[in-house]
Amino acid sequence: MPISENDVTRVARLARLRVTEAEIPQYQAGLDGILDLVAQLHESVTDDIEPMAHPQDISLRLREDQVTEDDERDLFQECAPAVENGLYLVPRVIE
């Protein structure tokens, strides 16, 4: 499904981007290309492919978990306007 001019202007508005009328065809082509690539990826068969954590067969060197910094939470929270049980309290913004 091709991207319309309305789609481009809506996405630009949501992303807070200024797009001129002359730039809209370029953005249409770019977004169409991205969606075509996603469609190609969606068609690929991955049933017999085992998930992997890394593209190369390597093992990472692990180090011991050691505390390297002092706990200065109380010091940092002294300047906060509101703290309770070690947590910063902030005004509610969603009603």
C-alpha atoms as a PDB file:
ATOM      1  CA  MET A   1       0.000   0.000   0.000  1.00  0.00           C
ATOM      2  CA  PRO A   2       1.651   3.247  -1.111  1.00  0.00           C
ATOM      3  CA  ILE A   3       2.133   6.121   1.297  1.00  0.00           C
ATOM      4  CA  SER A   4      -0.103   9.125   0.605  1.00  0.00           C
ATOM      5  CA  GLU A   5       0.796  12.782   0.988  1.00  0.00           C
ATOM      6  CA  ASN A   6      -1.531  12.926   3.993  1.00  0.00           C
ATOM      7  CA  ASP A   7       0.405  10.058   5.607  1.00  0.00           C
ATOM      8  CA  VAL A   8       3.704  11.888   5.082  1.00  0.00           C
ATOM      9  CA  THR A   9       2.399  15.143   6.554  1.00  0.00           C
ATOM     10  CA  ARG A  10       0.839  13.297   9.502  1.00  0.00           C
ATOM     11  CA  VAL A  11       4.053  11.401  10.280  1.00  0.00           C
ATOM     12  CA  ALA A  12       6.043  14.624   9.923  1.00  0.00           C
ATOM     13  CA  ARG A  13       3.685  16.397  12.317  1.00  0.00           C
ATOM     14  CA  LEU A  14       3.923  13.553  14.854  1.00  0.00           C
ATOM     15  CA  ALA A  15       7.723  13.594  14.574  1.00  0.00           C
ATOM     16  CA  ARG A  16       7.751  17.387  14.842  1.00  0.00           C
ATOM     17  CA  LEU A  17       9.490  17.711  11.459  1.00  0.00           C
ATOM     18  CA  ARG A  18       9.047  20.577   9.018  1.00  0.00           C
ATOM     19  CA  VAL A  19       8.384  19.147   5.574  1.00  0.00           C
ATOM     20  CA  THR A  20       7.844  21.402   2.590  1.00  0.00           C
ATOM     21  CA  GLU A  21       5.536  20.508  -0.290  1.00  0.00           C
ATOM     22  CA  ALA A  22       8.605  19.908  -2.474  1.00  0.00           C
ATOM     23  CA  GLU A  23      10.031  17.366  -0.006  1.00  0.00           C
ATOM     24  CA  ILE A  24       6.873  15.256   0.293  1.00  0.00           C
ATOM     25  CA  PRO A  25       7.596  13.061  -2.795  1.00  0.00           C
ATOM     26  CA  GLN A  26      11.085  12.264  -1.429  1.00  0.00           C
ATOM     27  CA  TYR A  27       9.630  11.244   1.923  1.00  0.00           C
ATOM     28  CA  GLN A  28       6.930   9.208   0.183  1.00  0.00           C
ATOM     29  CA  ALA A  29       9.562   7.271  -1.756  1.00  0.00           C
ATOM     30  CA  GLY A  30      11.682   6.737   1.338  1.00  0.00           C
ATOM     31  CA  LEU A  31       8.798   5.517   3.477  1.00  0.00           C
ATOM     32  CA  ASP A  32       7.572   3.250   0.650  1.00  0.00           C
ATOM     33  CA  GLY A  33      11.052   1.733   0.456  1.00  0.00           C
ATOM     34  CA  ILE A  34      11.107   1.094   4.196  1.00  0.00           C
ATOM     35  CA  LEU A  35       7.690  -0.557   4.115  1.00  0.00           C
ATOM     36  CA  ASP A  36       8.738  -2.700   1.126  1.00  0.00           C
ATOM     37  CA  LEU A  37      11.777  -3.875   3.087  1.00  0.00           C
ATOM     38  CA  VAL A  38       9.596  -4.721   6.088  1.00  0.00           C
ATOM     39  CA  ALA A  39       7.266  -6.690   3.791  1.00  0.00           C
ATOM     40  CA  GLN A  40      10.251  -8.640   2.426  1.00  0.00           C
ATOM     41  CA  LEU A  41      11.414  -9.436   5.954  1.00  0.00           C
ATOM     42  CA  HIS A  42       7.896 -10.524   6.887  1.00  0.00           C
ATOM     43  CA  GLU A  43       7.859 -13.018   3.980  1.00  0.00           C
ATOM     44  CA  SER A  44      11.114 -14.724   4.975  1.00  0.00           C
ATOM     45  CA  VAL A  45      10.778 -18.171   6.505  1.00  0.00           C
ATOM     46  CA  THR A  46      12.596 -18.453   9.826  1.00  0.00           C
ATOM     47  CA  ASP A  47      10.959 -21.576  11.255  1.00  0.00           C
ATOM     48  CA  ASP A  48      14.125 -23.708  11.229  1.00  0.00           C
ATOM     49  CA  ILE A  49      16.472 -20.969  12.401  1.00  0.00           C
ATOM     50  CA  GLU A  50      17.538 -21.057  16.036  1.00  0.00           C
ATOM     51  CA  PRO A  51      17.588 -17.685  17.810  1.00  0.00           C
ATOM     52  CA  MET A  52      21.054 -16.452  18.683  1.00  0.00           C
ATOM     53  CA  ALA A  53      22.421 -13.910  21.100  1.00  0.00           C
ATOM     54  CA  HIS A  54      25.298 -12.874  18.852  1.00  0.00           C
ATOM     55  CA  PRO A  55      25.904 -13.252  15.099  1.00  0.00           C
ATOM     56  CA  GLN A  56      29.345 -14.770  15.689  1.00  0.00           C
ATOM     57  CA  ASP A  57      30.099 -17.932  17.619  1.00  0.00           C
ATOM     58  CA  ILE A  58      32.054 -16.356  20.477  1.00  0.00           C
ATOM     59  CA  SER A  59      31.960 -16.505  24.225  1.00  0.00           C
ATOM     60  CA  LEU A  60      32.332 -13.347  26.222  1.00  0.00           C
ATOM     61  CA  ARG A  61      34.737 -12.992  29.095  1.00  0.00           C
ATOM     62  CA  LEU A  62      32.852 -12.420  32.299  1.00  0.00           C
ATOM     63  CA  ARG A  63      34.088 -10.532  35.323  1.00  0.00           C
ATOM     64  CA  GLU A  64      33.046 -10.827  38.922  1.00  0.00           C
ATOM     65  CA  ASP A  65      30.347  -8.506  40.186  1.00  0.00           C
ATOM     66  CA  GLN A  66      32.147  -6.131  42.512  1.00  0.00           C
ATOM     67  CA  VAL A  67      30.940  -2.917  44.078  1.00  0.00           C
ATOM     68  CA  THR A  68      33.195  -0.131  42.864  1.00  0.00           C
ATOM     69  CA  GLU A  69      31.284   2.950  44.085  1.00  0.00           C
ATOM     70  CA  ASP A  70      30.068   3.993  47.504  1.00  0.00           C
ATOM     71  CA  ASP A  71      26.319   4.224  48.149  1.00  0.00           C
ATOM     72  CA  GLU A  72      25.680   7.966  48.160  1.00  0.00           C
ATOM     73  CA  ARG A  73      21.919   7.866  47.647  1.00  0.00           C
ATOM     74  CA  ASP A  74      21.152   9.743  50.865  1.00  0.00           C
ATOM     75  CA  LEU A  75      23.642  12.453  49.963  1.00  0.00           C
ATOM     76  CA  PHE A  76      22.126  12.865  46.494  1.00  0.00           C
ATOM     77  CA  GLN A  77      18.581  12.931  47.840  1.00  0.00           C
ATOM     78  CA  GLU A  78      19.290  15.687  50.381  1.00  0.00           C
ATOM     79  CA  CYS A  79      18.649  18.362  47.748  1.00  0.00           C
ATOM     80  CA  ALA A  80      15.476  16.728  46.379  1.00  0.00           C
ATOM     81  CA  PRO A  81      12.217  18.516  47.217  1.00  0.00           C
ATOM     82  CA  ALA A  82      10.410  15.286  48.160  1.00  0.00           C
ATOM     83  CA  VAL A  83      11.758  11.830  48.975  1.00  0.00           C
ATOM     84  CA  GLU A  84      10.103   8.808  50.557  1.00  0.00           C
ATOM     85  CA  ASN A  85      11.692   5.418  51.294  1.00  0.00           C
ATOM     86  CA  GLY A  86      14.685   6.230  49.101  1.00  0.00           C
ATOM     87  CA  LEU A  87      12.519   7.220  46.112  1.00  0.00           C
ATOM     88  CA  TYR A  88      12.150  10.635  44.521  1.00  0.00           C
ATOM     89  CA  LEU A  89       8.568  11.902  44.655  1.00  0.00           C
ATOM     90  CA  VAL A  90       7.414  13.918  41.655  1.00  0.00           C
ATOM     91  CA  PRO A  91       4.114  15.656  40.900  1.00  0.00           C
ATOM     92  CA  ARG A  92       1.531  13.568  39.099  1.00  0.00           C
ATOM     93  CA  VAL A  93       1.407  14.529  35.405  1.00  0.00           C
ATOM     94  CA  ILE A  94      -1.186  12.061  34.070  1.00  0.00           C
ATOM     95  CA  GLU A  95      -4.715  12.294  35.352  1.00  0.00           C
END
